Amino acid sequence: MTSSIKAPTLEEFRARAALTGLTLTEEDIGHLHKGYVGLLGLMERIPQRWSWAAEPPQVFRADE
């Protein structure tokens, strides 16, 4: 999957965070930025087309 979303820099993320009105420390902003960039990285690994027949569905029953 090609990335159409460019990860924001820390400065861009800091500017966006300031617009939220939340009282965030620099440490908070750093953690949130790191998590957001990590989430974008994980999203890139999700395939666009799934091979649904590759694995049978998992069914969990309460009575077993």
C-alpha atoms as a PDB file:
ATOM      1  CA  MET A   1       0.000   0.000   0.000  1.00  0.00           C
ATOM      2  CA  THR A   2       1.498   3.307  -0.987  1.00  0.00           C
ATOM      3  CA  SER A   3       1.417   6.043   1.592  1.00  0.00           C
ATOM      4  CA  SER A   4      -0.780   8.968   0.653  1.00  0.00           C
ATOM      5  CA  ILE A   5      -0.561  10.385   4.185  1.00  0.00           C
ATOM      6  CA  LYS A   6       2.673  12.151   5.054  1.00  0.00           C
ATOM      7  CA  ALA A   7       3.541  12.040   8.735  1.00  0.00           C
ATOM      8  CA  PRO A   8       3.594  15.526  10.268  1.00  0.00           C
ATOM      9  CA  THR A   9       6.783  16.853  11.765  1.00  0.00           C
ATOM     10  CA  LEU A  10       6.917  17.473  15.500  1.00  0.00           C
ATOM     11  CA  GLU A  11       6.542  21.223  14.898  1.00  0.00           C
ATOM     12  CA  GLU A  12       3.436  20.690  12.738  1.00  0.00           C
ATOM     13  CA  PHE A  13       2.005  18.338  15.340  1.00  0.00           C
ATOM     14  CA  ARG A  14       2.732  20.873  18.092  1.00  0.00           C
ATOM     15  CA  ALA A  15       0.847  23.557  16.133  1.00  0.00           C
ATOM     16  CA  ARG A  16      -2.144  21.244  15.675  1.00  0.00           C
ATOM     17  CA  ALA A  17      -2.104  20.333  19.359  1.00  0.00           C
ATOM     18  CA  ALA A  18      -2.172  24.008  20.297  1.00  0.00           C
ATOM     19  CA  LEU A  19      -5.400  24.438  18.324  1.00  0.00           C
ATOM     20  CA  THR A  20      -7.186  21.785  20.406  1.00  0.00           C
ATOM     21  CA  GLY A  21      -7.276  23.976  23.501  1.00  0.00           C
ATOM     22  CA  LEU A  22      -5.978  21.143  25.685  1.00  0.00           C
ATOM     23  CA  THR A  23      -3.271  21.850  28.228  1.00  0.00           C
ATOM     24  CA  LEU A  24      -0.543  19.541  26.948  1.00  0.00           C
ATOM     25  CA  THR A  25       3.045  19.517  28.107  1.00  0.00           C
ATOM     26  CA  GLU A  26       5.956  19.118  25.718  1.00  0.00           C
ATOM     27  CA  GLU A  27       6.299  15.556  26.966  1.00  0.00           C
ATOM     28  CA  ASP A  28       2.616  14.884  26.184  1.00  0.00           C
ATOM     29  CA  ILE A  29       3.000  16.286  22.684  1.00  0.00           C
ATOM     30  CA  GLY A  30       6.120  14.188  22.105  1.00  0.00           C
ATOM     31  CA  HIS A  31       4.347  10.983  23.179  1.00  0.00           C
ATOM     32  CA  LEU A  32       1.268  11.763  21.091  1.00  0.00           C
ATOM     33  CA  HIS A  33       3.380  12.558  18.025  1.00  0.00           C
ATOM     34  CA  LYS A  34       5.362   9.349  18.384  1.00  0.00           C
ATOM     35  CA  GLY A  35       2.149   7.333  18.697  1.00  0.00           C
ATOM     36  CA  TYR A  36       0.514   9.066  15.729  1.00  0.00           C
ATOM     37  CA  VAL A  37       3.514   8.451  13.488  1.00  0.00           C
ATOM     38  CA  GLY A  38       3.606   4.831  14.646  1.00  0.00           C
ATOM     39  CA  LEU A  39      -0.087   4.413  13.870  1.00  0.00           C
ATOM     40  CA  LEU A  40       0.434   5.802  10.374  1.00  0.00           C
ATOM     41  CA  GLY A  41       3.254   3.305   9.899  1.00  0.00           C
ATOM     42  CA  LEU A  42       1.000   0.433  10.940  1.00  0.00           C
ATOM     43  CA  MET A  43      -1.755   1.640   8.637  1.00  0.00           C
ATOM     44  CA  GLU A  44       0.650   1.447   5.696  1.00  0.00           C
ATOM     45  CA  ARG A  45       1.054  -2.268   6.338  1.00  0.00           C
ATOM     46  CA  ILE A  46      -2.678  -2.977   5.949  1.00  0.00           C
ATOM     47  CA  PRO A  47      -3.268  -4.460   2.500  1.00  0.00           C
ATOM     48  CA  GLN A  48      -5.788  -2.778   0.240  1.00  0.00           C
ATOM     49  CA  ARG A  49      -7.226  -6.077  -0.949  1.00  0.00           C
ATOM     50  CA  TRP A  50      -7.772  -8.943   1.448  1.00  0.00           C
ATOM     51  CA  SER A  51      -7.591 -12.569   0.469  1.00  0.00           C
ATOM     52  CA  TRP A  52     -10.675 -13.620   2.399  1.00  0.00           C
ATOM     53  CA  ALA A  53     -10.406 -17.291   1.482  1.00  0.00           C
ATOM     54  CA  ALA A  54      -6.858 -17.578   2.809  1.00  0.00           C
ATOM     55  CA  GLU A  55      -7.924 -18.425   6.348  1.00  0.00           C
ATOM     56  CA  PRO A  56     -11.221 -19.775   7.701  1.00  0.00           C
ATOM     57  CA  PRO A  57     -13.072 -17.429  10.048  1.00  0.00           C
ATOM     58  CA  GLN A  58     -12.537 -17.911  13.766  1.00  0.00           C
ATOM     59  CA  VAL A  59     -15.744 -18.709  15.629  1.00  0.00           C
ATOM     60  CA  PHE A  60     -15.792 -18.545  19.398  1.00  0.00           C
ATOM     61  CA  ARG A  61     -18.738 -20.059  21.193  1.00  0.00           C
ATOM     62  CA  ALA A  62     -19.609 -19.528  24.830  1.00  0.00           C
ATOM     63  CA  ASP A  63     -20.816 -23.102  25.334  1.00  0.00           C
ATOM     64  CA  GLU A  64     -17.513 -24.751  24.395  1.00  0.00           C
END
